[in-house]
Structures are given as structure tokens and as C-alpha cells.
C-alpha atoms as a PDB file:
ATOM      1  CA  MET A   1    -193.405  12.823 -24.827  1.00  0.00           C
ATOM      2  CA  VAL A   2    -191.545  11.756 -21.741  1.00  0.00           C
ATOM      3  CA  TYR A   3    -190.318   8.183 -22.006  1.00  0.00           C
ATOM      4  CA  HIS A   4    -190.326   5.644 -19.167  1.00  0.00           C
ATOM      5  CA  ALA A   5    -192.029   7.966 -16.687  1.00  0.00           C
ATOM      6  CA  ASP A   6    -195.396   7.679 -15.018  1.00  0.00           C
ATOM      7  CA  PRO A   7    -197.728  10.567 -16.007  1.00  0.00           C
ATOM      8  CA  MET A   8    -198.555  11.195 -12.351  1.00  0.00           C
ATOM      9  CA  VAL A   9    -194.855  11.642 -11.503  1.00  0.00           C
ATOM     10  CA  VAL A  10    -194.290  13.999 -14.444  1.00  0.00           C
ATOM     11  CA  TRP A  11    -197.431  15.965 -13.525  1.00  0.00           C
ATOM     12  CA  GLU A  12    -196.332  16.277  -9.888  1.00  0.00           C
ATOM     13  CA  TYR A  13    -192.907  17.528 -10.992  1.00  0.00           C
ATOM     14  CA  VAL A  14    -194.364  20.189 -13.313  1.00  0.00           C
ATOM     15  CA  ALA A  15    -197.046  21.207 -10.791  1.00  0.00           C
ATOM     16  CA  ASP A  16    -194.349  22.114  -8.232  1.00  0.00           C
ATOM     17  CA  PHE A  17    -193.459  25.660  -9.315  1.00  0.00           C
ATOM     18  CA  SER A  18    -190.041  25.412  -7.648  1.00  0.00           C
ATOM     19  CA  ASN A  19    -189.082  23.108 -10.546  1.00  0.00           C
ATOM     20  CA  MET A  20    -190.105  25.725 -13.094  1.00  0.00           C
ATOM     21  CA  LYS A  21    -186.754  27.542 -12.804  1.00  0.00           C
ATOM     22  CA  GLN A  22    -185.069  24.400 -14.160  1.00  0.00           C
ATOM     23  CA  LEU A  23    -187.730  23.890 -16.835  1.00  0.00           C
ATOM     24  CA  ASN A  24    -188.216  27.457 -18.065  1.00  0.00           C
ATOM     25  CA  PRO A  25    -184.913  29.328 -18.531  1.00  0.00           C
ATOM     26  CA  THR A  26    -186.643  32.728 -18.666  1.00  0.00           C
ATOM     27  CA  ILE A  27    -187.800  32.610 -15.015  1.00  0.00           C
ATOM     28  CA  ILE A  28    -185.543  34.616 -12.725  1.00  0.00           C
ATOM     29  CA  ASN A  29    -187.281  34.269  -9.352  1.00  0.00           C
ATOM     30  CA  PHE A  30    -190.672  33.573  -7.773  1.00  0.00           C
ATOM     31  CA  ASP A  31    -192.685  33.640  -4.559  1.00  0.00           C
ATOM     32  CA  ILE A  32    -195.676  31.475  -3.711  1.00  0.00           C
ATOM     33  CA  ILE A  33    -198.301  33.938  -2.438  1.00  0.00           C
ATOM     34  CA  SER A  34    -200.976  31.479  -1.338  1.00  0.00           C
ATOM     35  CA  GLU A  35    -201.913  27.840  -1.629  1.00  0.00           C
ATOM     36  CA  LYS A  36    -204.812  25.662  -0.557  1.00  0.00           C
ATOM     37  CA  GLY A  37    -206.347  22.290  -1.132  1.00  0.00           C
ATOM     38  CA  ASN A  38    -205.145  18.725  -1.241  1.00  0.00           C
ATOM     39  CA  TYR A  39    -203.941  16.132  -3.725  1.00  0.00           C
ATOM     40  CA  ASP A  40    -207.339  15.937  -5.456  1.00  0.00           C
ATOM     41  CA  HIS A  41    -207.576  19.695  -5.997  1.00  0.00           C
ATOM     42  CA  TRP A  42    -204.634  21.943  -5.171  1.00  0.00           C
ATOM     43  CA  GLU A  43    -204.494  25.637  -5.994  1.00  0.00           C
ATOM     44  CA  TYR A  44    -201.761  28.193  -5.604  1.00  0.00           C
ATOM     45  CA  ILE A  45    -200.844  31.707  -6.674  1.00  0.00           C
ATOM     46  CA  THR A  46    -197.301  32.714  -7.502  1.00  0.00           C
ATOM     47  CA  GLU A  47    -195.640  35.987  -8.380  1.00  0.00           C
ATOM     48  CA  TYR A  48    -192.630  35.554 -10.628  1.00  0.00           C
ATOM     49  CA  THR A  49    -190.188  37.603 -12.662  1.00  0.00           C
ATOM     50  CA  GLU A  50    -188.876  36.503 -16.018  1.00  0.00           C
ATOM     51  CA  HIS A  51    -186.947  37.945 -18.936  1.00  0.00           C
ATOM     52  CA  LEU A  52    -187.805  37.762 -22.606  1.00  0.00           C
ATOM     53  CA  SER A  53    -185.903  35.101 -24.535  1.00  0.00           C
ATOM     54  CA  GLN A  54    -185.441  37.399 -27.534  1.00  0.00           C
ATOM     55  CA  LEU A  55    -184.579  40.531 -25.505  1.00  0.00           C
ATOM     56  CA  PRO A  56    -183.166  39.249 -22.194  1.00  0.00           C
ATOM     57  CA  PHE A  57    -182.594  42.750 -20.826  1.00  0.00           C
ATOM     58  CA  ILE A  58    -186.383  43.265 -20.698  1.00  0.00           C
ATOM     59  CA  LYS A  59    -187.988  41.788 -17.601  1.00  0.00           C
ATOM     60  CA  ASN A  60    -191.654  41.312 -16.814  1.00  0.00           C
ATOM     61  CA  ASN A  61    -193.571  40.659 -13.624  1.00  0.00           C
ATOM     62  CA  ASN A  62    -196.210  37.972 -13.528  1.00  0.00           C
ATOM     63  CA  GLU A  63    -198.946  36.612 -11.348  1.00  0.00           C
ATOM     64  CA  GLY A  64    -199.936  33.021 -12.013  1.00  0.00           C
ATOM     65  CA  HIS A  65    -203.008  31.214 -10.645  1.00  0.00           C
ATOM     66  CA  PHE A  66    -202.710  27.429 -10.816  1.00  0.00           C
ATOM     67  CA  ILE A  67    -205.212  24.602 -10.361  1.00  0.00           C
ATOM     68  CA  ILE A  68    -203.713  21.124 -10.147  1.00  0.00           C
ATOM     69  CA  LYS A  69    -205.980  18.086 -10.168  1.00  0.00           C
ATOM     70  CA  PRO A  70    -206.421  14.589 -11.551  1.00  0.00           C
ATOM     71  CA  ASP A  71    -208.915  14.463 -14.414  1.00  0.00           C
ATOM     72  CA  GLY A  72    -210.168  10.927 -14.993  1.00  0.00           C
ATOM     73  CA  ASN A  73    -207.217   8.918 -16.340  1.00  0.00           C
ATOM     74  CA  GLU A  74    -205.252  12.109 -16.987  1.00  0.00           C
ATOM     75  CA  TYR A  75    -203.616  14.741 -14.820  1.00  0.00           C
ATOM     76  CA  LEU A  76    -204.257  18.422 -15.321  1.00  0.00           C
ATOM     77  CA  ILE A  77    -202.636  21.787 -14.606  1.00  0.00           C
ATOM     78  CA  LEU A  78    -204.783  24.814 -15.412  1.00  0.00           C
ATOM     79  CA  SER A  79    -203.169  28.218 -15.134  1.00  0.00           C
ATOM     80  CA  HIS A  80    -204.068  31.847 -15.693  1.00  0.00           C
ATOM     81  CA  HIS A  81    -201.295  34.442 -15.922  1.00  0.00           C
ATOM     82  CA  LYS A  82    -201.144  38.206 -15.880  1.00  0.00           C
ATOM     83  CA  THR A  83    -197.851  39.480 -17.330  1.00  0.00           C
ATOM     84  CA  CYS A  84    -196.914  43.135 -16.858  1.00  0.00           C
ATOM     85  CA  PHE A  85    -194.196  45.093 -18.594  1.00  0.00           C
ATOM     86  CA  PHE A  86    -192.909  48.341 -17.104  1.00  0.00           C
ATOM     87  CA  SER A  87    -195.549  48.028 -14.332  1.00  0.00           C
ATOM     88  CA  TYR A  88    -198.429  49.276 -16.465  1.00  0.00           C
ATOM     89  CA  PHE A  89    -198.793  47.338 -19.734  1.00  0.00           C
ATOM     90  CA  CYS A  90    -200.307  43.946 -18.916  1.00  0.00           C
ATOM     91  CA  VAL A  91    -201.448  40.967 -20.975  1.00  0.00           C
ATOM     92  CA  LYS A  92    -203.196  37.741 -19.971  1.00  0.00           C
ATOM     93  CA  SER A  93    -202.625  34.124 -20.900  1.00  0.00           C
ATOM     94  CA  ASP A  94    -204.165  30.763 -20.047  1.00  0.00           C
ATOM     95  CA  SER A  95    -202.789  27.243 -20.200  1.00  0.00           C
ATOM     96  CA  GLU A  96    -204.274  23.772 -20.008  1.00  0.00           C
ATOM     97  CA  PHE A  97    -201.457  21.238 -19.520  1.00  0.00           C
ATOM     98  CA  ARG A  98    -202.485  17.553 -19.636  1.00  0.00           C
ATOM     99  CA  PHE A  99    -200.456  14.475 -18.766  1.00  0.00           C
ATOM    100  CA  SER A 100    -201.594  11.047 -19.913  1.00  0.00           C
ATOM    101  CA  ILE A 101    -200.218   7.597 -20.676  1.00  0.00           C
ATOM    102  CA  ASP A 102    -199.714   6.756 -24.356  1.00  0.00           C
ATOM    103  CA  SER A 103    -198.086   3.432 -25.324  1.00  0.00           C
ATOM    104  CA  GLY A 104    -195.898   3.398 -22.207  1.00  0.00           C
ATOM    105  CA  LYS A 105    -194.894   7.053 -22.563  1.00  0.00           C
ATOM    106  CA  THR A 106    -196.192  10.134 -20.833  1.00  0.00           C
ATOM    107  CA  ASN A 107    -197.914  12.373 -23.329  1.00  0.00           C
ATOM    108  CA  CYS A 108    -197.690  16.043 -22.321  1.00  0.00           C
ATOM    109  CA  THR A 109    -200.073  18.269 -24.260  1.00  0.00           C
ATOM    110  CA  GLU A 110    -200.553  21.936 -23.640  1.00  0.00           C
ATOM    111  CA  LEU A 111    -203.042  24.404 -25.035  1.00  0.00           C
ATOM    112  CA  VAL A 112    -201.974  28.017 -24.522  1.00  0.00           C
ATOM    113  CA  THR A 113    -203.980  31.121 -25.338  1.00  0.00           C
ATOM    114  CA  TYR A 114    -202.473  34.568 -24.915  1.00  0.00           C
ATOM    115  CA  GLU A 115    -203.084  38.239 -25.548  1.00  0.00           C
ATOM    116  CA  CYS A 116    -200.672  40.178 -27.723  1.00  0.00           C
ATOM    117  CA  PRO A 117    -200.774  43.568 -29.451  1.00  0.00           C
ATOM    118  CA  SER A 118    -201.272  42.978 -33.180  1.00  0.00           C
ATOM    119  CA  LEU A 119    -197.992  44.715 -34.079  1.00  0.00           C
ATOM    120  CA  LEU A 120    -196.094  42.194 -31.923  1.00  0.00           C
ATOM    121  CA  THR A 121    -197.842  38.991 -33.043  1.00  0.00           C
ATOM    122  CA  SER A 122    -194.713  37.351 -34.445  1.00  0.00           C
ATOM    123  CA  PHE A 123    -192.630  38.385 -31.433  1.00  0.00           C
ATOM    124  CA  CYS A 124    -195.222  37.033 -28.966  1.00  0.00           C
ATOM    125  CA  ARG A 125    -195.529  33.734 -30.838  1.00  0.00           C
ATOM    126  CA  LYS A 126    -191.728  33.292 -30.713  1.00  0.00           C
ATOM    127  CA  GLU A 127    -191.689  33.968 -26.962  1.00  0.00           C
ATOM    128  CA  VAL A 128    -194.475  31.485 -26.249  1.00  0.00           C
ATOM    129  CA  THR A 129    -192.957  28.882 -28.571  1.00  0.00           C
ATOM    130  CA  PHE A 130    -189.495  29.266 -27.018  1.00  0.00           C
ATOM    131  CA  GLN A 131    -190.831  28.760 -23.484  1.00  0.00           C
ATOM    132  CA  ARG A 132    -193.046  25.782 -24.375  1.00  0.00           C
ATOM    133  CA  GLN A 133    -190.227  24.055 -26.289  1.00  0.00           C
ATOM    134  CA  ALA A 134    -187.715  24.733 -23.498  1.00  0.00           C
ATOM    135  CA  ILE A 135    -190.057  23.356 -20.843  1.00  0.00           C
ATOM    136  CA  LYS A 136    -190.719  20.161 -22.795  1.00  0.00           C
ATOM    137  CA  ALA A 137    -187.037  19.634 -23.706  1.00  0.00           C
ATOM    138  CA  ASN A 138    -185.912  20.223 -20.114  1.00  0.00           C
ATOM    139  CA  LEU A 139    -188.661  17.922 -18.842  1.00  0.00           C
ATOM    140  CA  GLN A 140    -187.500  15.141 -21.167  1.00  0.00           C
ATOM    141  CA  GLN A 141    -183.899  15.721 -20.114  1.00  0.00           C
ATOM    142  CA  HIS A 142    -184.795  15.648 -16.410  1.00  0.00           C
ATOM    143  CA  PHE A 143    -186.591  12.310 -16.660  1.00  0.00           C
ATOM    144  CA  SER A 144    -184.046  10.762 -19.029  1.00  0.00           C
ATOM    145  CA  ARG A 145    -181.470  10.955 -16.201  1.00  0.00           C
ATOM    146  CA  PHE A 146    -183.478   8.348 -14.302  1.00  0.00           C
ATOM    147  CA  ASN A 147    -183.666   5.975 -17.259  1.00  0.00           C
ATOM    148  CA  SER A 148    -180.066   5.965 -18.472  1.00  0.00           C
END
């Protein structure tokens, strides 16, 4: 939950990938490769490098495809990611991130699905959980500065 913030404003902040370096501490750098559309349906592709939270000396290269659009009374960010380690071992993940109003607060809900080798299931879950928790905590912190 993000308190005292309009869901559209929170959605716009998260949809701008340049803010992701402040939200997700594992992202090292990024480039926007392409973008198209307008406010009602915006799409972009980014290439980004990040490190693992549990093993920060290991870096991975990613390509993310994003679709940003209003969805009825909610706001939506759909994304598909290809994450590659050592330039040859790649896994895919998908996210559906929704922003809606709930009793005067912005409710941010995210459904993430991801591939992971079965031997690394626990490790992968910790990585995904760390990033999701960091993004939500940093999002709350960002918007709390405006309401203090």
C-alpha cells in the first residue's frame, strides 16, 4: 500500500523505468531500446544489467518488454523479461503490476511468474522476493516524503 497517493501518480512513477534504479537496488544500468504509443497504451523495451542480491558479484543481462495502460478503474504494467547469465543461460519471467484505489490508499498488487532450474528453486524465490519487497518499500518511502 502507498498512503496518500493517487494510483495514477504511483503507476506513472513505476512505469518510468528511469525510476527503477531507485526502486530496485539490484539494477546497475539500463538503456531504453524502443518505445511507442501514447498515454492510453505505451510500450517500451529496455536492456538492463543487474546483480543478484544474494551473490552481488554475479551480474545478469536482461531485456524487458513493458506495456503500460489504464485498465478500467485500475492502472496496469505488464512486463516480460528475459534474464541471461554468462551470456548463454537464460530464463524468462512475467509480471502483472496493478495499481488501484482502496480506502484512500493506493493498492499495488503484483503477480510474478518466473522460470528457475529446480535445483535453484529456493535461491530464485529469495531473489524474486527480495526485489519485490525492495521495490514496494522504496515506493512507499518515495511517496511518504510528499506526505510528511
